[in-house]
Amino acid sequence: MTNNDWINIEDELPPKNHEDYLVYPPPDSHYNDGLTAEHYKGEWIVHCEDSHGSWSRPLENVTHWQQLPKPPTE
């Protein structure tokens, strides 16, 4: 993928709900890199898992998104 694959959310939103996309939050977010989030009814939901369990929360201020790359083939 190239940098040109990023789509500004002001230009276009993902075509499907309940799918994961690569998203990019603004620089002032506590996330500092792209991450995967689900798009659902106009909201971005990030799903996380750590040693304490799993959780989901809305991710605000997403600025750009793109399709996830296809998985590698053997």
C-alpha atoms as a PDB file:
ATOM      1  CA  MET A   1       0.000   0.000   0.000  1.00  0.00           C
ATOM      2  CA  THR A   2       1.044   3.524  -0.584  1.00  0.00           C
ATOM      3  CA  ASN A   3       0.243   6.700   1.270  1.00  0.00           C
ATOM      4  CA  ASN A   4      -2.290   7.433  -1.486  1.00  0.00           C
ATOM      5  CA  ASP A   5      -4.477   4.571  -0.217  1.00  0.00           C
ATOM      6  CA  TRP A   6      -5.629   6.669   2.760  1.00  0.00           C
ATOM      7  CA  ILE A   7      -9.136   8.083   2.329  1.00  0.00           C
ATOM      8  CA  ASN A   8     -10.134  11.214   4.209  1.00  0.00           C
ATOM      9  CA  ILE A   9     -13.377  10.599   6.124  1.00  0.00           C
ATOM     10  CA  GLU A  10     -14.632  13.969   4.912  1.00  0.00           C
ATOM     11  CA  ASP A  11     -14.455  12.623   1.348  1.00  0.00           C
ATOM     12  CA  GLU A  12     -15.825   9.124   1.848  1.00  0.00           C
ATOM     13  CA  LEU A  13     -16.853   6.665   4.573  1.00  0.00           C
ATOM     14  CA  PRO A  14     -16.465   2.881   4.307  1.00  0.00           C
ATOM     15  CA  PRO A  15     -19.166   1.141   2.275  1.00  0.00           C
ATOM     16  CA  LYS A  16     -19.910  -1.568   4.852  1.00  0.00           C
ATOM     17  CA  ASN A  17     -20.727  -1.744   8.548  1.00  0.00           C
ATOM     18  CA  HIS A  18     -19.295  -4.410  10.847  1.00  0.00           C
ATOM     19  CA  GLU A  19     -15.997  -4.584   8.966  1.00  0.00           C
ATOM     20  CA  ASP A  20     -12.521  -3.748  10.166  1.00  0.00           C
ATOM     21  CA  TYR A  21     -10.510  -1.030   8.479  1.00  0.00           C
ATOM     22  CA  LEU A  22      -7.115   0.478   8.993  1.00  0.00           C
ATOM     23  CA  VAL A  23      -7.696   3.922  10.521  1.00  0.00           C
ATOM     24  CA  TYR A  24      -5.519   6.867  11.353  1.00  0.00           C
ATOM     25  CA  PRO A  25      -6.366   9.031  14.361  1.00  0.00           C
ATOM     26  CA  PRO A  26      -5.252  12.653  14.725  1.00  0.00           C
ATOM     27  CA  PRO A  27      -1.789  13.425  16.138  1.00  0.00           C
ATOM     28  CA  ASP A  28      -3.206  14.509  19.522  1.00  0.00           C
ATOM     29  CA  SER A  29      -4.769  11.074  20.071  1.00  0.00           C
ATOM     30  CA  HIS A  30      -3.103   8.733  22.559  1.00  0.00           C
ATOM     31  CA  TYR A  31      -2.764   6.356  19.608  1.00  0.00           C
ATOM     32  CA  ASN A  32       0.230   7.474  17.579  1.00  0.00           C
ATOM     33  CA  ASP A  33       0.024   5.164  14.599  1.00  0.00           C
ATOM     34  CA  GLY A  34      -2.510   3.509  12.372  1.00  0.00           C
ATOM     35  CA  LEU A  35      -4.686   0.842  13.959  1.00  0.00           C
ATOM     36  CA  THR A  36      -7.593  -1.416  13.133  1.00  0.00           C
ATOM     37  CA  ALA A  37     -11.120  -0.355  14.008  1.00  0.00           C
ATOM     38  CA  GLU A  38     -14.609  -1.506  13.114  1.00  0.00           C
ATOM     39  CA  HIS A  39     -16.907   0.920  11.322  1.00  0.00           C
ATOM     40  CA  TYR A  40     -20.491   0.725  12.545  1.00  0.00           C
ATOM     41  CA  LYS A  41     -23.271   3.217  11.816  1.00  0.00           C
ATOM     42  CA  GLY A  42     -20.922   6.167  11.417  1.00  0.00           C
ATOM     43  CA  GLU A  43     -18.773   5.340  14.454  1.00  0.00           C
ATOM     44  CA  TRP A  44     -15.345   3.765  14.754  1.00  0.00           C
ATOM     45  CA  ILE A  45     -15.004   1.072  17.423  1.00  0.00           C
ATOM     46  CA  VAL A  46     -11.585  -0.160  18.497  1.00  0.00           C
ATOM     47  CA  HIS A  47     -11.346  -3.661  19.997  1.00  0.00           C
ATOM     48  CA  CYS A  48      -8.403  -4.344  22.284  1.00  0.00           C
ATOM     49  CA  GLU A  49      -7.126  -7.252  24.295  1.00  0.00           C
ATOM     50  CA  ASP A  50      -4.450  -7.330  26.957  1.00  0.00           C
ATOM     51  CA  SER A  51      -3.512  -9.388  30.014  1.00  0.00           C
ATOM     52  CA  HIS A  52      -6.540  -7.985  31.886  1.00  0.00           C
ATOM     53  CA  GLY A  53      -9.106  -9.024  29.293  1.00  0.00           C
ATOM     54  CA  SER A  54     -10.706  -7.599  26.189  1.00  0.00           C
ATOM     55  CA  TRP A  55     -12.663  -4.409  25.708  1.00  0.00           C
ATOM     56  CA  SER A  56     -14.169  -2.177  23.056  1.00  0.00           C
ATOM     57  CA  ARG A  57     -14.554   1.569  22.943  1.00  0.00           C
ATOM     58  CA  PRO A  58     -15.460   4.274  20.454  1.00  0.00           C
ATOM     59  CA  LEU A  59     -12.516   5.855  18.707  1.00  0.00           C
ATOM     60  CA  GLU A  60     -13.082   9.543  18.131  1.00  0.00           C
ATOM     61  CA  ASN A  61     -11.483  11.923  15.685  1.00  0.00           C
ATOM     62  CA  VAL A  62     -10.458   9.384  13.069  1.00  0.00           C
ATOM     63  CA  THR A  63      -9.215  11.400  10.107  1.00  0.00           C
ATOM     64  CA  HIS A  64      -8.442   8.734   7.464  1.00  0.00           C
ATOM     65  CA  TRP A  65      -9.191   5.092   6.702  1.00  0.00           C
ATOM     66  CA  GLN A  66      -8.338   2.399   4.188  1.00  0.00           C
ATOM     67  CA  GLN A  67      -9.178  -1.214   3.416  1.00  0.00           C
ATOM     68  CA  LEU A  68      -7.121  -3.825   5.229  1.00  0.00           C
ATOM     69  CA  PRO A  69      -4.596  -5.543   2.989  1.00  0.00           C
ATOM     70  CA  LYS A  70      -5.355  -9.049   1.814  1.00  0.00           C
ATOM     71  CA  PRO A  71      -3.750 -11.750   3.962  1.00  0.00           C
ATOM     72  CA  PRO A  72      -0.607 -13.390   2.618  1.00  0.00           C
ATOM     73  CA  THR A  73      -0.927 -16.535   0.574  1.00  0.00           C
ATOM     74  CA  GLU A  74       1.284 -19.543   0.939  1.00  0.00           C
END
